[in-house]
Protein backbone atom coordinates (compact mmCIF):
# COMPACT_ATOMS: atom_id res chain seq x y z
CA GLN A 1 -0.01 0.04 -0.05
CA VAL A 2 1.06 3.52 -0.75
CA GLN A 3 -0.25 6.78 0.68
CA LEU A 4 0.11 10.15 -1.05
CA VAL A 5 -0.41 13.53 0.50
CA GLU A 6 -0.29 16.77 -1.52
CA SER A 7 0.42 20.21 -0.26
CA GLY A 8 1.33 23.66 -1.55
CA GLY A 9 -1.82 24.72 -3.36
CA GLY A 10 -3.32 28.15 -2.97
CA LEU A 11 -4.36 31.35 -4.59
CA VAL A 12 -1.75 33.18 -6.87
CA GLN A 13 -1.91 35.90 -9.40
CA ALA A 14 -1.27 35.20 -13.09
CA GLY A 15 2.45 35.16 -13.68
CA GLY A 16 3.14 34.01 -10.28
CA SER A 17 4.65 30.74 -9.03
CA LEU A 18 3.73 27.85 -6.79
CA ARG A 19 5.49 24.66 -5.67
CA LEU A 20 3.40 21.59 -4.94
CA SER A 21 4.78 18.84 -2.83
CA CYS A 22 3.67 15.18 -2.67
CA ALA A 23 4.65 13.07 0.44
CA ALA A 24 4.79 9.38 -0.36
CA ALA A 25 4.66 6.64 2.27
CA GLY A 26 4.51 2.97 2.16
CA ARG A 27 6.12 0.58 -0.45
CA VAL A 28 7.47 3.15 -2.68
CA LEU A 29 10.17 2.00 -5.13
CA ASP A 30 12.68 4.20 -6.93
CA ILE A 31 11.61 2.81 -10.15
CA ASP A 32 7.94 3.68 -9.71
CA GLU A 33 6.31 6.08 -11.99
CA MET A 34 5.13 9.25 -10.22
CA GLY A 35 3.32 12.20 -11.67
CA TRP A 36 0.85 15.10 -11.33
CA TYR A 37 -2.52 15.34 -12.82
CA ARG A 38 -5.11 18.03 -12.63
CA GLN A 39 -8.93 18.26 -12.92
CA THR A 40 -11.46 21.06 -13.19
CA PRO A 41 -15.20 20.52 -12.65
CA GLY A 42 -16.90 18.75 -15.51
CA LYS A 43 -13.73 17.69 -17.20
CA GLN A 44 -11.56 14.54 -17.13
CA ARG A 45 -8.45 14.38 -15.08
CA GLU A 46 -5.52 15.11 -17.33
CA LEU A 47 -1.83 14.45 -17.05
CA VAL A 48 0.43 17.39 -16.21
CA GLY A 49 3.64 15.51 -16.16
CA ASN A 50 5.24 12.46 -14.92
CA LYS A 51 8.57 10.87 -14.22
CA ILE A 52 9.54 7.18 -14.23
CA GLY A 53 12.35 6.43 -11.75
CA ASP A 54 15.21 8.83 -12.43
CA ASP A 55 14.22 9.24 -16.16
CA THR A 56 13.71 12.68 -17.77
CA PRO A 57 10.14 13.92 -16.95
CA HIS A 58 7.47 14.10 -19.50
CA TYR A 59 5.19 17.13 -19.67
CA ALA A 60 1.91 18.11 -21.21
CA ASP A 61 2.32 20.58 -24.04
CA SER A 62 0.22 23.14 -22.07
CA VAL A 63 2.79 23.26 -19.30
CA LYS A 64 6.12 22.65 -21.01
CA GLY A 65 8.70 25.30 -20.27
CA ARG A 66 6.73 26.52 -17.21
CA PHE A 67 6.44 23.51 -14.95
CA THR A 68 9.17 21.31 -13.64
CA ILE A 69 8.82 17.91 -11.95
CA SER A 70 11.46 16.71 -9.44
CA ARG A 71 11.71 13.86 -7.18
CA ASP A 72 13.51 13.27 -3.84
CA PHE A 73 14.02 9.56 -3.63
CA ALA A 74 15.38 9.75 -0.04
CA LYS A 75 12.18 11.13 1.51
CA PRO A 76 10.44 10.13 -0.82
CA PHE A 77 8.76 13.32 -2.21
CA LEU A 78 7.56 14.52 -5.65
CA TYR A 79 7.58 18.13 -6.55
CA LEU A 80 5.82 20.30 -9.06
CA GLN A 81 7.38 23.75 -9.55
CA MET A 82 4.84 25.86 -11.40
CA ASN A 83 6.10 29.19 -12.95
CA ASN A 84 4.37 31.83 -15.00
CA LEU A 85 0.98 30.54 -13.92
CA LYS A 86 -2.07 31.26 -16.01
CA PRO A 87 -5.83 31.40 -15.06
CA GLU A 88 -6.26 28.12 -17.18
CA ASP A 89 -3.94 26.36 -14.77
CA THR A 90 -6.64 26.60 -12.06
CA ALA A 91 -7.54 23.07 -11.10
CA ASP A 92 -7.25 20.46 -8.37
CA TYR A 93 -3.91 18.91 -8.67
CA TYR A 94 -3.40 15.22 -7.76
CA CYS A 95 -0.24 13.18 -7.11
CA ASN A 96 -0.20 9.79 -8.75
CA LEU A 97 2.01 6.79 -8.26
CA LYS A 98 1.97 3.82 -10.59
CA GLN A 99 3.38 0.42 -9.89
CA TRP A 100 3.17 -2.75 -12.01
CA ASN A 101 2.15 -6.00 -10.62
CA SER A 102 2.20 -9.03 -12.85
CA GLY A 103 1.89 -6.84 -15.83
CA ALA A 104 -1.09 -4.92 -14.52
CA PRO A 105 -0.91 -1.29 -13.31
CA GLN A 106 -1.82 -0.25 -9.81
CA ASP A 107 -2.56 3.47 -9.39
CA TYR A 108 -2.45 5.30 -6.10
CA TRP A 109 -3.81 8.82 -5.74
CA GLY A 110 -3.70 11.64 -3.18
CA LYS A 111 -6.74 13.72 -2.17
CA GLY A 112 -5.59 16.71 -4.29
CA THR A 113 -4.62 20.27 -3.59
CA LEU A 114 -6.36 23.25 -5.09
CA VAL A 115 -4.57 25.88 -7.29
CA THR A 116 -6.34 28.96 -8.18
CA VAL A 117 -4.81 31.53 -10.53
CA SER A 118 -6.43 34.89 -10.78
CA SER A 119 -6.23 37.16 -13.73
């Protein structure tokens, strides 16, 4: 079992920055895939970016060049540094960890943290 807890959300003006943190506990492996997703009311949850082990992160086109994912394997924590925020970045942000068991994915989710960007 894995537990994920996000923090760092809040209200920020357009052009500002926020840093989200995700604290992971339980059976977390360095090779696990971890990522950030976001969701707004009435829309599907979408991938913001993810990172498999120590590989180069992958980002959605909408956040490339503005958001950076990093991981602290020792704690273990996952971070999302968000710069030059836009009103369209407003959403609930969720931390995800994906493990593979006998070829089948097992997803773990945090409860989310709200980011609101004012214009």
